[in-house]
């Protein structure tokens, strides 16, 4: 299978670390977020890794060349002309990801000990068009899943706004982890164009397609999108290394 690392974001939340570099090349304990993501996705022994680029995109391309792609088959989906968000990025990378087998999509700005092989087995067992890794954590906007772990809508607990697709008795709130397995059969179903969110796509497709949530209960998941989160992650990794 292939993996798609989403690395094109502007990294505005990580300022000033991203003043002169993309967030993918910000370092955590001496290792770039991109290298950490590449190492993580390769736990699945992937056949190829696709990395999308936009903000300081040439730096990422040069970095991969300098590192000889970490001796892995890595190709770039170039969005330097237009940042496309997660859904638009997926659509643009269609030709690189192919139509033969499911693929992993992984956000570059997360640190996780999720068992990707178990995620993949869950996805194959459920047979949906996509499987999203989800966790129980505090946030403002949640995705909603029914007792079968089917995506059933969203709700904002701060504003009270919600859009429930399946009005069932048991609905649970979960937060998306930025990790997912996607079937290539999704591509003919995409009618959105240009810049759009993959969550926007999933919520539309969930009305007619099965999109499942994998309840990730691994011991570590951190969003590395803000300086304080990066610092917290450094402390956690330091403690783990000293154990």
Protein backbone atom coordinates (compact mmCIF):
# COMPACT_ATOMS: atom_id res chain seq x y z
CA UNK A 1 0.00 0.00 0.00
CA UNK A 2 0.97 3.66 -0.35
CA UNK A 3 1.01 6.46 2.20
CA UNK A 4 0.19 10.14 1.76
CA UNK A 5 1.80 12.58 4.20
CA UNK A 6 0.01 15.94 4.37
CA UNK A 7 2.87 18.42 4.72
CA UNK A 8 1.75 21.46 2.71
CA UNK A 9 0.18 23.59 5.42
CA UNK A 10 1.28 27.14 6.21
CA UNK A 11 2.11 26.32 9.81
CA UNK A 12 0.73 29.65 11.04
CA UNK A 13 -0.05 28.20 14.48
CA UNK A 14 3.61 27.18 14.85
CA UNK A 15 4.97 30.71 14.35
CA UNK A 16 7.77 31.72 14.99
CA UNK A 17 9.16 28.22 14.26
CA UNK A 18 7.77 28.50 10.72
CA UNK A 19 9.06 31.99 9.95
CA UNK A 20 11.60 30.67 7.48
CA UNK A 21 10.76 27.01 7.11
CA UNK A 22 7.75 24.74 6.53
CA UNK A 23 6.24 23.04 9.57
CA UNK A 24 7.33 19.69 8.12
CA UNK A 25 10.96 20.71 8.73
CA UNK A 26 10.45 21.97 12.26
CA UNK A 27 12.47 19.72 14.56
CA UNK A 28 11.28 17.74 17.56
CA UNK A 29 14.19 16.43 19.68
CA UNK A 30 16.57 16.88 16.77
CA UNK A 31 14.40 15.16 14.16
CA UNK A 32 12.12 16.92 11.67
CA UNK A 33 8.41 16.27 11.82
CA UNK A 34 8.60 14.99 8.26
CA UNK A 35 11.19 12.34 9.11
CA UNK A 36 9.14 11.26 12.11
CA UNK A 37 6.05 10.95 9.90
CA UNK A 38 7.96 8.99 7.26
CA UNK A 39 9.26 6.57 9.89
CA UNK A 40 5.78 6.18 11.33
CA UNK A 41 3.95 5.45 8.08
CA UNK A 42 6.64 2.99 7.06
CA UNK A 43 5.53 0.78 9.95
CA UNK A 44 3.16 -0.53 7.27
CA UNK A 45 6.09 -1.32 4.92
CA UNK A 46 4.55 1.00 2.35
CA UNK A 47 5.40 0.64 -1.33
CA UNK A 48 5.59 4.41 -1.85
CA UNK A 49 5.20 7.63 0.12
CA UNK A 50 3.58 10.72 -1.39
CA UNK A 51 4.35 14.06 0.30
CA UNK A 52 2.46 17.20 -0.66
CA UNK A 53 4.24 20.55 -0.50
CA UNK A 54 3.30 24.24 -0.65
CA UNK A 55 4.74 26.57 2.03
CA UNK A 56 8.53 26.66 1.51
CA UNK A 57 7.92 23.63 -0.68
CA UNK A 58 11.35 23.76 -2.30
CA UNK A 59 12.92 23.31 1.14
CA UNK A 60 11.08 20.01 1.59
CA UNK A 61 12.08 18.86 -1.90
CA UNK A 62 15.73 19.73 -1.19
CA UNK A 63 15.58 18.06 2.23
CA UNK A 64 14.28 14.81 0.76
CA UNK A 65 16.96 14.90 -1.92
CA UNK A 66 19.67 15.54 0.67
CA UNK A 67 18.42 12.62 2.77
CA UNK A 68 18.09 10.41 -0.34
CA UNK A 69 14.40 10.01 0.54
CA UNK A 70 15.53 8.06 3.61
CA UNK A 71 16.18 5.21 1.15
CA UNK A 72 12.47 4.87 0.51
CA UNK A 73 10.37 5.48 -2.62
CA UNK A 74 9.12 9.04 -1.99
CA UNK A 75 7.39 11.28 -4.54
CA UNK A 76 6.12 14.86 -4.20
CA UNK A 77 2.64 16.20 -4.94
CA UNK A 78 3.44 19.82 -5.76
CA UNK A 79 0.91 22.40 -4.55
CA UNK A 80 3.24 25.39 -4.65
CA UNK A 81 0.89 27.15 -7.10
CA UNK A 82 -2.16 26.72 -4.85
CA UNK A 83 -2.69 25.35 -1.35
CA UNK A 84 -5.59 22.92 -1.66
CA UNK A 85 -6.47 21.92 1.93
CA UNK A 86 -6.77 18.23 2.84
CA UNK A 87 -9.54 17.27 0.41
CA UNK A 88 -8.13 19.17 -2.53
CA UNK A 89 -4.70 17.70 -1.76
CA UNK A 90 -6.16 14.20 -1.88
CA UNK A 91 -7.79 14.84 -5.24
CA UNK A 92 -4.62 16.34 -6.73
CA UNK A 93 -2.58 13.33 -5.60
CA UNK A 94 -4.99 10.86 -7.23
CA UNK A 95 -2.62 9.91 -10.05
CA UNK A 96 0.21 9.32 -7.59
CA UNK A 97 -1.90 7.31 -5.16
CA UNK A 98 -3.47 5.17 -7.86
CA UNK A 99 -6.67 3.13 -8.03
CA UNK A 100 -5.50 -0.32 -7.00
CA UNK A 101 -5.43 -0.48 -3.19
CA UNK A 102 -6.25 1.45 -0.02
CA UNK A 103 -3.77 4.04 1.17
CA UNK A 104 -2.83 5.69 4.45
CA UNK A 105 -3.19 9.46 4.91
CA UNK A 106 -1.15 10.95 7.76
CA UNK A 107 -0.85 14.55 8.98
CA UNK A 108 2.79 15.63 9.34
CA UNK A 109 2.12 17.66 12.51
CA UNK A 110 1.06 14.85 14.83
CA UNK A 111 2.97 12.48 17.07
CA UNK A 112 1.26 9.19 17.76
CA UNK A 113 1.90 5.64 18.92
CA UNK A 114 -1.18 4.35 17.10
CA UNK A 115 -0.91 0.77 15.84
CA UNK A 116 -1.22 1.37 12.09
CA UNK A 117 -1.44 -2.34 11.32
CA UNK A 118 -4.44 -2.69 13.64
CA UNK A 119 -6.00 0.38 11.99
CA UNK A 120 -5.55 -1.28 8.60
CA UNK A 121 -7.07 -4.58 9.78
CA UNK A 122 -10.06 -2.69 11.21
CA UNK A 123 -10.52 -0.87 7.91
CA UNK A 124 -10.44 -4.07 5.87
CA UNK A 125 -12.82 -5.80 8.26
CA UNK A 126 -15.39 -2.98 8.20
CA UNK A 127 -15.22 -2.49 4.43
CA UNK A 128 -15.98 1.24 4.32
CA UNK A 129 -14.88 3.84 1.82
CA UNK A 130 -12.64 5.32 4.54
CA UNK A 131 -11.66 4.78 8.16
CA UNK A 132 -10.72 7.69 10.42
CA UNK A 133 -8.61 7.29 13.54
CA UNK A 134 -10.53 9.03 16.34
CA UNK A 135 -9.93 9.64 20.03
CA UNK A 136 -11.76 10.75 23.15
CA UNK A 137 -10.21 14.13 23.85
CA UNK A 138 -11.43 17.61 24.70
CA UNK A 139 -12.11 19.93 21.78
CA UNK A 140 -14.89 22.25 20.62
CA UNK A 141 -15.98 20.55 17.42
CA UNK A 142 -16.56 16.81 17.37
CA UNK A 143 -17.38 14.23 14.77
CA UNK A 144 -20.33 12.05 15.74
CA UNK A 145 -20.43 8.26 15.34
CA UNK A 146 -23.20 5.73 15.92
CA UNK A 147 -22.96 2.40 17.75
CA UNK A 148 -21.52 0.77 14.59
CA UNK A 149 -18.83 3.48 14.51
CA UNK A 150 -20.24 4.98 11.31
CA UNK A 151 -19.67 8.69 10.78
CA UNK A 152 -23.04 10.26 11.55
CA UNK A 153 -22.44 14.02 11.61
CA UNK A 154 -20.71 16.72 13.64
CA UNK A 155 -21.44 19.03 16.54
CA UNK A 156 -19.86 22.13 18.04
CA UNK A 157 -20.25 21.93 21.79
CA UNK A 158 -19.31 25.59 22.25
CA UNK A 159 -21.89 27.09 19.88
CA UNK A 160 -24.45 24.28 20.02
CA UNK A 161 -24.44 23.97 16.23
CA UNK A 162 -24.68 20.46 14.81
CA UNK A 163 -25.46 18.51 11.67
CA UNK A 164 -26.59 14.96 12.39
CA UNK A 165 -26.85 12.71 9.34
CA UNK A 166 -28.11 9.60 11.15
CA UNK A 167 -30.62 10.35 13.90
CA UNK A 168 -29.99 7.28 16.04
CA UNK A 169 -30.40 6.70 19.74
CA UNK A 170 -26.72 6.17 20.50
CA UNK A 171 -24.37 8.79 19.11
CA UNK A 172 -20.88 9.41 20.47
CA UNK A 173 -18.56 12.40 20.15
CA UNK A 174 -14.98 11.79 19.03
CA UNK A 175 -12.11 13.97 17.82
CA UNK A 176 -10.32 13.18 14.56
CA UNK A 177 -6.65 12.26 14.92
CA UNK A 178 -5.40 13.25 11.46
CA UNK A 179 -4.79 9.61 10.48
CA UNK A 180 -6.97 7.67 8.05
CA UNK A 181 -7.16 4.80 5.58
CA UNK A 182 -8.91 5.60 2.29
CA UNK A 183 -10.18 3.40 -0.50
CA UNK A 184 -9.34 4.54 -4.05
CA UNK A 185 -13.04 4.08 -4.88
CA UNK A 186 -13.52 7.46 -3.23
CA UNK A 187 -12.09 9.35 -6.20
CA UNK A 188 -15.08 8.96 -8.59
CA UNK A 189 -17.32 10.17 -5.75
CA UNK A 190 -15.49 13.48 -5.33
CA UNK A 191 -17.46 16.32 -6.95
CA UNK A 192 -15.67 19.08 -5.03
CA UNK A 193 -12.99 21.03 -6.85
CA UNK A 194 -10.13 23.34 -5.90
CA UNK A 195 -9.55 23.91 -2.20
CA UNK A 196 -11.74 21.88 0.18
CA UNK A 197 -11.51 19.92 3.41
CA UNK A 198 -11.52 16.14 3.54
CA UNK A 199 -13.93 16.40 6.49
CA UNK A 200 -16.32 18.37 4.26
CA UNK A 201 -16.06 15.54 1.74
CA UNK A 202 -16.62 12.81 4.34
CA UNK A 203 -19.69 14.48 5.81
CA UNK A 204 -21.26 14.66 2.36
CA UNK A 205 -20.37 11.08 1.47
CA UNK A 206 -21.52 9.72 4.85
CA UNK A 207 -25.10 10.19 3.71
CA UNK A 208 -24.66 7.33 1.20
CA UNK A 209 -21.32 5.67 2.03
CA UNK A 210 -19.92 3.93 5.08
CA UNK A 211 -17.14 5.95 6.70
CA UNK A 212 -16.00 4.37 9.95
CA UNK A 213 -14.18 5.57 13.01
CA UNK A 214 -11.37 3.54 14.56
CA UNK A 215 -11.27 4.26 18.29
CA UNK A 216 -7.57 4.82 18.90
CA UNK A 217 -6.68 4.20 22.54
CA UNK A 218 -2.90 4.20 22.16
CA UNK A 219 -0.91 5.82 24.94
CA UNK A 220 0.34 8.84 22.97
CA UNK A 221 -1.21 11.31 20.55
CA UNK A 222 -0.12 14.94 20.36
CA UNK A 223 -1.05 17.73 17.96
CA UNK A 224 2.24 19.48 17.18
CA UNK A 225 0.59 22.52 15.62
CA UNK A 226 1.47 25.06 18.32
CA UNK A 227 4.77 26.02 20.00
CA UNK A 228 3.52 25.01 23.45
CA UNK A 229 2.46 21.60 22.09
CA UNK A 230 5.88 21.11 20.52
CA UNK A 231 7.55 21.94 23.83
CA UNK A 232 5.24 19.54 25.70
CA UNK A 233 6.06 16.79 23.19
CA UNK A 234 9.80 17.37 23.72
CA UNK A 235 9.31 16.85 27.47
CA UNK A 236 7.27 13.67 26.93
CA UNK A 237 9.82 12.19 24.52
CA UNK A 238 12.62 13.09 26.93
CA UNK A 239 10.88 11.23 29.76
CA UNK A 240 10.26 8.18 27.55
CA UNK A 241 13.91 8.11 26.49
CA UNK A 242 15.01 8.16 30.15
CA UNK A 243 12.76 5.30 31.24
